[in-house]
């Protein structure tokens, strides 16, 4: 079974994570199939970059997100957009919407600093 999960990077006490597609039996920081994103919880607010087109493709093939990745998808809106993709909405529209949401998040982070 293929899972979308977090792979820890960074030095001790300064974690950051890659979102990877890996076989369920592979170790946490072991072999993986593809890197599909990045998550840094140490920034305020946490930085999250996702390749949504690749996420959609892997989930259509049967890959399941872990609980922590599912929570990240929920906060970024990826899971809601994937549900709309399954119902028949065009992927291009959803990807454009994801880019707009990302740009809005970046501008709001800059104004909050």
PDB file of N, CA and C in Angstrom:
ATOM      1  N   UNK A   1       0.839  -1.172   0.000  1.00  0.00           N
ATOM      2  CA  UNK A   1       0.000   0.000   0.000  1.00  0.00           C
ATOM      3  C   UNK A   1       0.896   1.252   0.000  1.00  0.00           C
ATOM      4  N   UNK A   2       0.495   2.239  -0.746  1.00  0.00           N
ATOM      5  CA  UNK A   2       1.258   3.482  -0.874  1.00  0.00           C
ATOM      6  C   UNK A   2       0.630   4.552   0.014  1.00  0.00           C
ATOM      7  N   UNK A   3       1.486   5.284   0.741  1.00  0.00           N
ATOM      8  CA  UNK A   3       1.027   6.319   1.648  1.00  0.00           C
ATOM      9  C   UNK A   3       1.696   7.647   1.311  1.00  0.00           C
ATOM     10  N   UNK A   4       0.997   8.742   1.573  1.00  0.00           N
ATOM     11  CA  UNK A   4       1.581  10.086   1.495  1.00  0.00           C
ATOM     12  C   UNK A   4       1.878  10.463   2.934  1.00  0.00           C
ATOM     13  N   UNK A   5       3.158  10.692   3.238  1.00  0.00           N
ATOM     14  CA  UNK A   5       3.523  10.925   4.626  1.00  0.00           C
ATOM     15  C   UNK A   5       4.652  11.927   4.751  1.00  0.00           C
ATOM     16  N   UNK A   6       4.985  12.270   5.993  1.00  0.00           N
ATOM     17  CA  UNK A   6       6.039  13.235   6.271  1.00  0.00           C
ATOM     18  C   UNK A   6       7.373  12.512   6.429  1.00  0.00           C
ATOM     19  N   UNK A   7       8.413  13.117   5.876  1.00  0.00           N
ATOM     20  CA  UNK A   7       9.777  12.616   6.024  1.00  0.00           C
ATOM     21  C   UNK A   7      10.576  13.718   6.697  1.00  0.00           C
ATOM     22  N   UNK A   8      11.138  13.433   7.854  1.00  0.00           N
ATOM     23  CA  UNK A   8      11.813  14.456   8.650  1.00  0.00           C
ATOM     24  C   UNK A   8      13.157  14.829   8.038  1.00  0.00           C
ATOM     25  N   UNK A   9      13.418  16.136   7.972  1.00  0.00           N
ATOM     26  CA  UNK A   9      14.719  16.658   7.579  1.00  0.00           C
ATOM     27  C   UNK A   9      15.104  17.723   8.590  1.00  0.00           C
ATOM     28  N   UNK A  10      16.270  18.269   8.480  1.00  0.00           N
ATOM     29  CA  UNK A  10      16.703  19.301   9.418  1.00  0.00           C
ATOM     30  C   UNK A  10      17.518  18.709  10.550  1.00  0.00           C
ATOM     31  N   UNK A  11      18.232  19.564  11.249  1.00  0.00           N
ATOM     32  CA  UNK A  11      19.084  19.094  12.331  1.00  0.00           C
ATOM     33  C   UNK A  11      18.280  18.885  13.610  1.00  0.00           C
ATOM     34  N   UNK A  12      18.955  18.422  14.634  1.00  0.00           N
ATOM     35  CA  UNK A  12      18.294  18.119  15.896  1.00  0.00           C
ATOM     36  C   UNK A  12      17.706  19.399  16.494  1.00  0.00           C
ATOM     37  N   UNK A  13      16.452  19.327  16.864  1.00  0.00           N
ATOM     38  CA  UNK A  13      15.777  20.471  17.447  1.00  0.00           C
ATOM     39  C   UNK A  13      15.253  21.475  16.445  1.00  0.00           C
ATOM     40  N   UNK A  14      15.524  21.270  15.156  1.00  0.00           N
ATOM     41  CA  UNK A  14      15.060  22.183  14.113  1.00  0.00           C
ATOM     42  C   UNK A  14      14.425  21.392  12.980  1.00  0.00           C
ATOM     43  N   UNK A  15      13.303  20.743  13.229  1.00  0.00           N
ATOM     44  CA  UNK A  15      12.733  19.868  12.209  1.00  0.00           C
ATOM     45  C   UNK A  15      12.039  20.625  11.083  1.00  0.00           C
ATOM     46  N   UNK A  16      12.128  20.069   9.911  1.00  0.00           N
ATOM     47  CA  UNK A  16      11.289  20.438   8.780  1.00  0.00           C
ATOM     48  C   UNK A  16      10.989  19.118   8.084  1.00  0.00           C
ATOM     49  N   UNK A  17       9.979  19.121   7.267  1.00  0.00           N
ATOM     50  CA  UNK A  17       9.503  17.857   6.716  1.00  0.00           C
ATOM     51  C   UNK A  17       9.285  17.961   5.214  1.00  0.00           C
ATOM     52  N   UNK A  18       9.491  16.853   4.532  1.00  0.00           N
ATOM     53  CA  UNK A  18       9.108  16.710   3.134  1.00  0.00           C
ATOM     54  C   UNK A  18       7.866  15.836   3.092  1.00  0.00           C
ATOM     55  N   UNK A  19       6.937  16.170   2.222  1.00  0.00           N
ATOM     56  CA  UNK A  19       5.802  15.298   1.978  1.00  0.00           C
ATOM     57  C   UNK A  19       6.231  14.346   0.872  1.00  0.00           C
ATOM     58  N   UNK A  20       6.238  13.063   1.167  1.00  0.00           N
ATOM     59  CA  UNK A  20       6.699  12.079   0.198  1.00  0.00           C
ATOM     60  C   UNK A  20       5.636  11.010  -0.006  1.00  0.00           C
ATOM     61  N   UNK A  21       5.708  10.386  -1.160  1.00  0.00           N
ATOM     62  CA  UNK A  21       4.885   9.222  -1.455  1.00  0.00           C
ATOM     63  C   UNK A  21       5.803   8.026  -1.273  1.00  0.00           C
ATOM     64  N   UNK A  22       5.425   7.129  -0.358  1.00  0.00           N
ATOM     65  CA  UNK A  22       6.289   5.999  -0.033  1.00  0.00           C
ATOM     66  C   UNK A  22       5.448   4.754   0.216  1.00  0.00           C
ATOM     67  N   UNK A  23       6.091   3.606   0.095  1.00  0.00           N
ATOM     68  CA  UNK A  23       5.451   2.350   0.431  1.00  0.00           C
ATOM     69  C   UNK A  23       5.228   2.305   1.942  1.00  0.00           C
ATOM     70  N   UNK A  24       4.180   1.668   2.356  1.00  0.00           N
ATOM     71  CA  UNK A  24       3.811   1.638   3.768  1.00  0.00           C
ATOM     72  C   UNK A  24       4.896   0.998   4.631  1.00  0.00           C
ATOM     73  N   UNK A  25       5.591  -0.011   4.110  1.00  0.00           N
ATOM     74  CA  UNK A  25       6.588  -0.719   4.899  1.00  0.00           C
ATOM     75  C   UNK A  25       7.941  -0.019   4.957  1.00  0.00           C
ATOM     76  N   UNK A  26       8.163   1.012   4.165  1.00  0.00           N
ATOM     77  CA  UNK A  26       9.438   1.727   4.178  1.00  0.00           C
ATOM     78  C   UNK A  26       9.601   2.482   5.488  1.00  0.00           C
ATOM     79  N   UNK A  27      10.843   2.606   5.997  1.00  0.00           N
ATOM     80  CA  UNK A  27      11.055   3.387   7.217  1.00  0.00           C
ATOM     81  C   UNK A  27      10.722   4.866   7.011  1.00  0.00           C
ATOM     82  N   UNK A  28      10.524   5.598   8.107  1.00  0.00           N
ATOM     83  CA  UNK A  28      10.104   7.003   8.028  1.00  0.00           C
ATOM     84  C   UNK A  28      11.025   7.823   7.141  1.00  0.00           C
ATOM     85  N   UNK A  29      12.324   7.694   7.336  1.00  0.00           N
ATOM     86  CA  UNK A  29      13.283   8.471   6.553  1.00  0.00           C
ATOM     87  C   UNK A  29      13.961   7.624   5.484  1.00  0.00           C
ATOM     88  N   UNK A  30      13.332   6.528   5.102  1.00  0.00           N
ATOM     89  CA  UNK A  30      13.928   5.613   4.134  1.00  0.00           C
ATOM     90  C   UNK A  30      13.473   5.876   2.715  1.00  0.00           C
ATOM     91  N   UNK A  31      13.362   4.799   1.978  1.00  0.00           N
ATOM     92  CA  UNK A  31      13.045   4.848   0.559  1.00  0.00           C
ATOM     93  C   UNK A  31      11.668   5.463   0.305  1.00  0.00           C
ATOM     94  N   UNK A  32      11.582   6.279  -0.750  1.00  0.00           N
ATOM     95  CA  UNK A  32      10.311   6.883  -1.132  1.00  0.00           C
ATOM     96  C   UNK A  32      10.219   6.911  -2.653  1.00  0.00           C
ATOM     97  N   UNK A  33       9.020   7.163  -3.162  1.00  0.00           N
ATOM     98  CA  UNK A  33       8.777   7.172  -4.603  1.00  0.00           C
ATOM     99  C   UNK A  33       8.908   8.568  -5.200  1.00  0.00           C
ATOM    100  N   UNK A  34       8.382   9.576  -4.505  1.00  0.00           N
ATOM    101  CA  UNK A  34       8.399  10.932  -5.046  1.00  0.00           C
ATOM    102  C   UNK A  34       8.201  11.954  -3.922  1.00  0.00           C
ATOM    103  N   UNK A  35       8.856  13.105  -4.051  1.00  0.00           N
ATOM    104  CA  UNK A  35       8.645  14.219  -3.139  1.00  0.00           C
ATOM    105  C   UNK A  35       7.522  15.076  -3.715  1.00  0.00           C
ATOM    106  N   UNK A  36       6.471  15.299  -2.929  1.00  0.00           N
ATOM    107  CA  UNK A  36       5.311  16.049  -3.419  1.00  0.00           C
ATOM    108  C   UNK A  36       5.047  17.322  -2.634  1.00  0.00           C
ATOM    109  N   UNK A  37       5.941  17.679  -1.711  1.00  0.00           N
ATOM    110  CA  UNK A  37       5.730  18.918  -0.977  1.00  0.00           C
ATOM    111  C   UNK A  37       6.746  19.120   0.121  1.00  0.00           C
ATOM    112  N   UNK A  38       6.542  20.209   0.870  1.00  0.00           N
ATOM    113  CA  UNK A  38       7.449  20.611   1.937  1.00  0.00           C
ATOM    114  C   UNK A  38       6.637  21.263   3.048  1.00  0.00           C
ATOM    115  N   UNK A  39       7.023  20.998   4.295  1.00  0.00           N
ATOM    116  CA  UNK A  39       6.331  21.585   5.446  1.00  0.00           C
ATOM    117  C   UNK A  39       7.367  21.991   6.487  1.00  0.00           C
ATOM    118  N   UNK A  40       7.299  23.266   6.913  1.00  0.00           N
ATOM    119  CA  UNK A  40       8.182  23.769   7.962  1.00  0.00           C
ATOM    120  C   UNK A  40       7.308  24.313   9.086  1.00  0.00           C
ATOM    121  N   UNK A  41       7.188  23.581  10.196  1.00  0.00           N
ATOM    122  CA  UNK A  41       6.341  24.037  11.292  1.00  0.00           C
ATOM    123  C   UNK A  41       6.984  25.116  12.153  1.00  0.00           C
ATOM    124  N   UNK A  42       8.258  25.415  11.964  1.00  0.00           N
ATOM    125  CA  UNK A  42       8.963  26.352  12.829  1.00  0.00           C
ATOM    126  C   UNK A  42       8.715  27.804  12.461  1.00  0.00           C
ATOM    127  N   UNK A  43       8.208  28.079  11.275  1.00  0.00           N
ATOM    128  CA  UNK A  43       7.885  29.456  10.915  1.00  0.00           C
ATOM    129  C   UNK A  43       6.523  29.817  11.508  1.00  0.00           C
ATOM    130  N   UNK A  44       6.250  31.110  11.584  1.00  0.00           N
ATOM    131  CA  UNK A  44       4.970  31.542  12.145  1.00  0.00           C
ATOM    132  C   UNK A  44       4.187  32.296  11.099  1.00  0.00           C
ATOM    133  N   UNK A  45       3.141  31.810  10.529  1.00  0.00           N
ATOM    134  CA  UNK A  45       2.593  30.464  10.631  1.00  0.00           C
ATOM    135  C   UNK A  45       3.425  29.477   9.823  1.00  0.00           C
ATOM    136  N   UNK A  46       3.179  28.203  10.002  1.00  0.00           N
ATOM    137  CA  UNK A  46       3.951  27.157   9.337  1.00  0.00           C
ATOM    138  C   UNK A  46       3.911  27.274   7.818  1.00  0.00           C
ATOM    139  N   UNK A  47       5.052  26.998   7.175  1.00  0.00           N
ATOM    140  CA  UNK A  47       5.155  27.060   5.726  1.00  0.00           C
ATOM    141  C   UNK A  47       4.751  25.706   5.144  1.00  0.00           C
ATOM    142  N   UNK A  48       3.873  25.717   4.162  1.00  0.00           N
ATOM    143  CA  UNK A  48       3.418  24.493   3.529  1.00  0.00           C
ATOM    144  C   UNK A  48       3.370  24.705   2.030  1.00  0.00           C
ATOM    145  N   UNK A  49       4.144  23.916   1.292  1.00  0.00           N
ATOM    146  CA  UNK A  49       4.129  23.958  -0.167  1.00  0.00           C
ATOM    147  C   UNK A  49       3.785  22.566  -0.668  1.00  0.00           C
ATOM    148  N   UNK A  50       2.761  22.496  -1.517  1.00  0.00           N
ATOM    149  CA  UNK A  50       2.268  21.213  -1.997  1.00  0.00           C
ATOM    150  C   UNK A  50       2.166  21.246  -3.512  1.00  0.00           C
ATOM    151  N   UNK A  51       2.612  20.180  -4.162  1.00  0.00           N
ATOM    152  CA  UNK A  51       2.411  20.008  -5.599  1.00  0.00           C
ATOM    153  C   UNK A  51       1.065  19.290  -5.760  1.00  0.00           C
ATOM    154  N   UNK A  52       0.011  20.080  -5.851  1.00  0.00           N
ATOM    155  CA  UNK A  52      -1.330  19.494  -5.821  1.00  0.00           C
ATOM    156  C   UNK A  52      -1.616  18.596  -7.015  1.00  0.00           C
ATOM    157  N   UNK A  53      -1.063  18.915  -8.183  1.00  0.00           N
ATOM    158  CA  UNK A  53      -1.311  18.055  -9.341  1.00  0.00           C
ATOM    159  C   UNK A  53      -0.766  16.653  -9.107  1.00  0.00           C
ATOM    160  N   UNK A  54       0.398  16.556  -8.475  1.00  0.00           N
ATOM    161  CA  UNK A  54       0.987  15.251  -8.172  1.00  0.00           C
ATOM    162  C   UNK A  54       0.209  14.543  -7.058  1.00  0.00           C
ATOM    163  N   UNK A  55      -0.268  15.325  -6.080  1.00  0.00           N
ATOM    164  CA  UNK A  55      -1.078  14.744  -5.003  1.00  0.00           C
ATOM    165  C   UNK A  55      -2.340  14.123  -5.583  1.00  0.00           C
ATOM    166  N   UNK A  56      -3.024  14.852  -6.472  1.00  0.00           N
ATOM    167  CA  UNK A  56      -4.249  14.339  -7.087  1.00  0.00           C
ATOM    168  C   UNK A  56      -3.964  13.050  -7.853  1.00  0.00           C
ATOM    169  N   UNK A  57      -2.865  13.036  -8.597  1.00  0.00           N
ATOM    170  CA  UNK A  57      -2.538  11.848  -9.397  1.00  0.00           C
ATOM    171  C   UNK A  57      -2.279  10.635  -8.505  1.00  0.00           C
ATOM    172  N   UNK A  58      -1.501  10.828  -7.434  1.00  0.00           N
ATOM    173  CA  UNK A  58      -1.205   9.709  -6.550  1.00  0.00           C
ATOM    174  C   UNK A  58      -2.455   9.241  -5.808  1.00  0.00           C
ATOM    175  N   UNK A  59      -3.306  10.163  -5.403  1.00  0.00           N
ATOM    176  CA  UNK A  59      -4.521   9.760  -4.693  1.00  0.00           C
ATOM    177  C   UNK A  59      -5.491   9.039  -5.628  1.00  0.00           C
ATOM    178  N   UNK A  60      -5.500   9.424  -6.901  1.00  0.00           N
ATOM    179  CA  UNK A  60      -6.320   8.696  -7.874  1.00  0.00           C
ATOM    180  C   UNK A  60      -5.803   7.280  -8.080  1.00  0.00           C
ATOM    181  N   UNK A  61      -4.502   7.080  -7.891  1.00  0.00           N
ATOM    182  CA  UNK A  61      -3.904   5.748  -8.017  1.00  0.00           C
ATOM    183  C   UNK A  61      -4.096   4.908  -6.758  1.00  0.00           C
ATOM    184  N   UNK A  62      -4.591   5.513  -5.683  1.00  0.00           N
ATOM    185  CA  UNK A  62      -4.880   4.761  -4.473  1.00  0.00           C
ATOM    186  C   UNK A  62      -4.025   5.098  -3.274  1.00  0.00           C
ATOM    187  N   UNK A  63      -3.153   6.093  -3.372  1.00  0.00           N
ATOM    188  CA  UNK A  63      -2.322   6.471  -2.230  1.00  0.00           C
ATOM    189  C   UNK A  63      -3.185   7.135  -1.167  1.00  0.00           C
ATOM    190  N   UNK A  64      -2.926   6.812   0.089  1.00  0.00           N
ATOM    191  CA  UNK A  64      -3.680   7.375   1.203  1.00  0.00           C
ATOM    192  C   UNK A  64      -2.772   8.258   2.052  1.00  0.00           C
ATOM    193  N   UNK A  65      -3.240   9.422   2.485  1.00  0.00           N
ATOM    194  CA  UNK A  65      -2.429  10.261   3.380  1.00  0.00           C
ATOM    195  C   UNK A  65      -2.475   9.724   4.805  1.00  0.00           C
ATOM    196  N   UNK A  66      -1.391   9.933   5.544  1.00  0.00           N
ATOM    197  CA  UNK A  66      -1.392   9.595   6.965  1.00  0.00           C
ATOM    198  C   UNK A  66      -2.255  10.613   7.699  1.00  0.00           C
ATOM    199  N   UNK A  67      -2.485  10.404   8.993  1.00  0.00           N
ATOM    200  CA  UNK A  67      -3.342  11.304   9.757  1.00  0.00           C
ATOM    201  C   UNK A  67      -2.771  12.721   9.789  1.00  0.00           C
ATOM    202  N   UNK A  68      -1.461  12.845   9.995  1.00  0.00           N
ATOM    203  CA  UNK A  68      -0.856  14.181  10.073  1.00  0.00           C
ATOM    204  C   UNK A  68      -0.905  14.882   8.717  1.00  0.00           C
ATOM    205  N   UNK A  69      -0.684  14.155   7.637  1.00  0.00           N
ATOM    206  CA  UNK A  69      -0.747  14.750   6.302  1.00  0.00           C
ATOM    207  C   UNK A  69      -2.185  15.104   5.956  1.00  0.00           C
ATOM    208  N   UNK A  70      -3.130  14.273   6.343  1.00  0.00           N
ATOM    209  CA  UNK A  70      -4.544  14.585   6.104  1.00  0.00           C
ATOM    210  C   UNK A  70      -4.940  15.877   6.807  1.00  0.00           C
ATOM    211  N   UNK A  71      -4.406  16.106   8.002  1.00  0.00           N
ATOM    212  CA  UNK A  71      -4.686  17.346   8.725  1.00  0.00           C
ATOM    213  C   UNK A  71      -4.091  18.544   7.987  1.00  0.00           C
ATOM    214  N   UNK A  72      -2.873  18.391   7.441  1.00  0.00           N
ATOM    215  CA  UNK A  72      -2.268  19.464   6.658  1.00  0.00           C
ATOM    216  C   UNK A  72      -3.081  19.746   5.402  1.00  0.00           C
ATOM    217  N   UNK A  73      -3.554  18.686   4.744  1.00  0.00           N
ATOM    218  CA  UNK A  73      -4.390  18.856   3.555  1.00  0.00           C
ATOM    219  C   UNK A  73      -5.684  19.578   3.907  1.00  0.00           C
ATOM    220  N   UNK A  74      -6.239  19.281   5.056  1.00  0.00           N
ATOM    221  CA  UNK A  74      -7.489  19.913   5.469  1.00  0.00           C
ATOM    222  C   UNK A  74      -7.288  21.408   5.708  1.00  0.00           C
ATOM    223  N   UNK A  75      -6.188  21.784   6.367  1.00  0.00           N
ATOM    224  CA  UNK A  75      -5.951  23.197   6.655  1.00  0.00           C
ATOM    225  C   UNK A  75      -5.609  23.982   5.389  1.00  0.00           C
ATOM    226  N   UNK A  76      -4.970  23.330   4.411  1.00  0.00           N
ATOM    227  CA  UNK A  76      -4.613  24.032   3.174  1.00  0.00           C
ATOM    228  C   UNK A  76      -5.741  24.005   2.142  1.00  0.00           C
ATOM    229  N   UNK A  77      -6.768  23.186   2.368  1.00  0.00           N
ATOM    230  CA  UNK A  77      -7.886  23.098   1.428  1.00  0.00           C
ATOM    231  C   UNK A  77      -7.693  22.058   0.348  1.00  0.00           C
ATOM    232  N   UNK A  78      -6.606  21.321   0.376  1.00  0.00           N
ATOM    233  CA  UNK A  78      -6.318  20.322  -0.652  1.00  0.00           C
ATOM    234  C   UNK A  78      -7.342  19.195  -0.639  1.00  0.00           C
ATOM    235  N   UNK A  79      -7.730  18.733   0.541  1.00  0.00           N
ATOM    236  CA  UNK A  79      -8.687  17.626   0.616  1.00  0.00           C
ATOM    237  C   UNK A  79     -10.042  18.037   0.050  1.00  0.00           C
ATOM    238  N   UNK A  80     -10.462  19.269   0.315  1.00  0.00           N
ATOM    239  CA  UNK A  80     -11.747  19.751  -0.217  1.00  0.00           C
ATOM    240  C   UNK A  80     -11.698  19.853  -1.739  1.00  0.00           C
ATOM    241  N   UNK A  81     -10.574  20.334  -2.277  1.00  0.00           N
ATOM    242  CA  UNK A  81     -10.440  20.422  -3.732  1.00  0.00           C
ATOM    243  C   UNK A  81     -10.370  19.037  -4.366  1.00  0.00           C
ATOM    244  N   UNK A  82      -9.758  18.080  -3.681  1.00  0.00           N
ATOM    245  CA  UNK A  82      -9.698  16.718  -4.223  1.00  0.00           C
ATOM    246  C   UNK A  82     -11.091  16.097  -4.292  1.00  0.00           C
ATOM    247  N   UNK A  83     -11.904  16.342  -3.283  1.00  0.00           N
ATOM    248  CA  UNK A  83     -13.281  15.838  -3.306  1.00  0.00           C
ATOM    249  C   UNK A  83     -14.053  16.421  -4.491  1.00  0.00           C
ATOM    250  N   UNK A  84     -13.837  17.705  -4.762  1.00  0.00           N
ATOM    251  CA  UNK A  84     -14.488  18.323  -5.923  1.00  0.00           C
ATOM    252  C   UNK A  84     -13.964  17.734  -7.225  1.00  0.00           C
ATOM    253  N   UNK A  85     -12.687  17.369  -7.273  1.00  0.00           N
ATOM    254  CA  UNK A  85     -12.116  16.728  -8.469  1.00  0.00           C
ATOM    255  C   UNK A  85     -12.777  15.377  -8.696  1.00  0.00           C
ATOM    256  N   UNK A  86     -13.000  14.621  -7.630  1.00  0.00           N
ATOM    257  CA  UNK A  86     -13.647  13.315  -7.759  1.00  0.00           C
ATOM    258  C   UNK A  86     -15.083  13.444  -8.252  1.00  0.00           C
ATOM    259  N   UNK A  87     -15.728  14.560  -7.939  1.00  0.00           N
ATOM    260  CA  UNK A  87     -17.108  14.764  -8.375  1.00  0.00           C
ATOM    261  C   UNK A  87     -17.196  15.217  -9.822  1.00  0.00           C
ATOM    262  N   UNK A  88     -16.040  15.535 -10.463  1.00  0.00           N
ATOM    263  CA  UNK A  88     -16.057  15.858 -11.873  1.00  0.00           C
ATOM    264  C   UNK A  88     -15.609  17.251 -12.241  1.00  0.00           C
ATOM    265  N   UNK A  89     -15.197  18.050 -11.286  1.00  0.00           N
ATOM    266  CA  UNK A  89     -14.735  19.392 -11.610  1.00  0.00           C
ATOM    267  C   UNK A  89     -13.367  19.316 -12.297  1.00  0.00           C
ATOM    268  N   UNK A  90     -13.075  20.278 -13.163  1.00  0.00           N
ATOM    269  CA  UNK A  90     -11.837  20.267 -13.941  1.00  0.00           C
ATOM    270  C   UNK A  90     -10.622  20.500 -13.044  1.00  0.00           C
ATOM    271  N   UNK A  91      -9.561  19.733 -13.290  1.00  0.00           N
ATOM    272  CA  UNK A  91      -8.344  19.832 -12.490  1.00  0.00           C
ATOM    273  C   UNK A  91      -7.669  21.189 -12.676  1.00  0.00           C
ATOM    274  N   UNK A  92      -7.733  21.761 -13.876  1.00  0.00           N
ATOM    275  CA  UNK A  92      -7.092  23.048 -14.135  1.00  0.00           C
ATOM    276  C   UNK A  92      -7.705  24.154 -13.277  1.00  0.00           C
ATOM    277  N   UNK A  93      -9.014  24.116 -13.123  1.00  0.00           N
ATOM    278  CA  UNK A  93      -9.717  25.111 -12.299  1.00  0.00           C
ATOM    279  C   UNK A  93      -9.280  24.975 -10.842  1.00  0.00           C
ATOM    280  N   UNK A  94      -9.190  23.749 -10.371  1.00  0.00           N
ATOM    281  CA  UNK A  94      -8.812  23.514  -8.980  1.00  0.00           C
ATOM    282  C   UNK A  94      -7.366  23.914  -8.725  1.00  0.00           C
ATOM    283  N   UNK A  95      -6.475  23.654  -9.683  1.00  0.00           N
ATOM    284  CA  UNK A  95      -5.071  24.037  -9.515  1.00  0.00           C
ATOM    285  C   UNK A  95      -4.916  25.555  -9.522  1.00  0.00           C
ATOM    286  N   UNK A  96      -5.685  26.245 -10.373  1.00  0.00           N
ATOM    287  CA  UNK A  96      -5.651  27.710 -10.384  1.00  0.00           C
ATOM    288  C   UNK A  96      -6.164  28.262  -9.050  1.00  0.00           C
ATOM    289  N   UNK A  97      -7.198  27.647  -8.513  1.00  0.00           N
ATOM    290  CA  UNK A  97      -7.733  28.063  -7.211  1.00  0.00           C
ATOM    291  C   UNK A  97      -6.695  27.842  -6.106  1.00  0.00           C
ATOM    292  N   UNK A  98      -5.955  26.749  -6.188  1.00  0.00           N
ATOM    293  CA  UNK A  98      -4.911  26.469  -5.192  1.00  0.00           C
ATOM    294  C   UNK A  98      -3.802  27.519  -5.263  1.00  0.00           C
ATOM    295  N   UNK A  99      -3.438  27.939  -6.471  1.00  0.00           N
ATOM    296  CA  UNK A  99      -2.414  28.976  -6.629  1.00  0.00           C
ATOM    297  C   UNK A  99      -2.892  30.310  -6.049  1.00  0.00           C
ATOM    298  N   UNK A 100      -4.159  30.641  -6.259  1.00  0.00           N
ATOM    299  CA  UNK A 100      -4.705  31.877  -5.699  1.00  0.00           C
ATOM    300  C   UNK A 100      -4.711  31.828  -4.178  1.00  0.00           C
ATOM    301  N   UNK A 101      -5.059  30.687  -3.610  1.00  0.00           N
ATOM    302  CA  UNK A 101      -5.071  30.543  -2.151  1.00  0.00           C
ATOM    303  C   UNK A 101      -3.659  30.658  -1.600  1.00  0.00           C
ATOM    304  N   UNK A 102      -2.699  30.093  -2.307  1.00  0.00           N
ATOM    305  CA  UNK A 102      -1.299  30.179  -1.879  1.00  0.00           C
ATOM    306  C   UNK A 102      -0.816  31.625  -1.913  1.00  0.00           C
ATOM    307  N   UNK A 103      -1.147  32.348  -2.979  1.00  0.00           N
ATOM    308  CA  UNK A 103      -0.748  33.757  -3.092  1.00  0.00           C
ATOM    309  C   UNK A 103      -1.402  34.591  -1.992  1.00  0.00           C
ATOM    310  N   UNK A 104      -2.656  34.321  -1.679  1.00  0.00           N
ATOM    311  CA  UNK A 104      -3.345  35.055  -0.621  1.00  0.00           C
ATOM    312  C   UNK A 104      -2.703  34.782   0.732  1.00  0.00           C
ATOM    313  N   UNK A 105      -2.303  33.524   0.973  1.00  0.00           N
ATOM    314  CA  UNK A 105      -1.637  33.181   2.217  1.00  0.00           C
ATOM    315  C   UNK A 105      -0.302  33.911   2.356  1.00  0.00           C
ATOM    316  N   UNK A 106       0.441  34.002   1.260  1.00  0.00           N
ATOM    317  CA  UNK A 106       1.750  34.671   1.275  1.00  0.00           C
ATOM    318  C   UNK A 106       1.590  36.157   1.559  1.00  0.00           C
ATOM    319  N   UNK A 107       0.632  36.800   0.902  1.00  0.00           N
ATOM    320  CA  UNK A 107       0.452  38.238   1.125  1.00  0.00           C
ATOM    321  C   UNK A 107      -0.047  38.520   2.535  1.00  0.00           C
ATOM    322  N   UNK A 108      -0.919  37.664   3.076  1.00  0.00           N
ATOM    323  CA  UNK A 108      -1.400  37.879   4.443  1.00  0.00           C
ATOM    324  C   UNK A 108      -0.275  37.661   5.455  1.00  0.00           C
ATOM    325  N   UNK A 109       0.645  36.745   5.172  1.00  0.00           N
ATOM    326  CA  UNK A 109       1.790  36.533   6.066  1.00  0.00           C
ATOM    327  C   UNK A 109       2.713  37.739   6.067  1.00  0.00           C
ATOM    328  N   UNK A 110       2.887  38.364   4.918  1.00  0.00           N
ATOM    329  CA  UNK A 110       3.757  39.533   4.823  1.00  0.00           C
ATOM    330  C   UNK A 110       3.149  40.736   5.561  1.00  0.00           C
ATOM    331  N   UNK A 111       1.843  40.901   5.483  1.00  0.00           N
ATOM    332  CA  UNK A 111       1.204  42.034   6.150  1.00  0.00           C
ATOM    333  C   UNK A 111       1.168  41.832   7.656  1.00  0.00           C
ATOM    334  N   UNK A 112       1.142  40.593   8.118  1.00  0.00           N
ATOM    335  CA  UNK A 112       1.105  40.311   9.561  1.00  0.00           C
ATOM    336  C   UNK A 112       2.448  40.534  10.227  1.00  0.00           C
ATOM    337  N   UNK A 113       3.509  40.542   9.472  1.00  0.00           N
ATOM    338  CA  UNK A 113       4.852  40.725  10.055  1.00  0.00           C
ATOM    339  C   UNK A 113       5.063  42.147  10.282  1.00  0.00           C
TER     340      UNK A 113
END
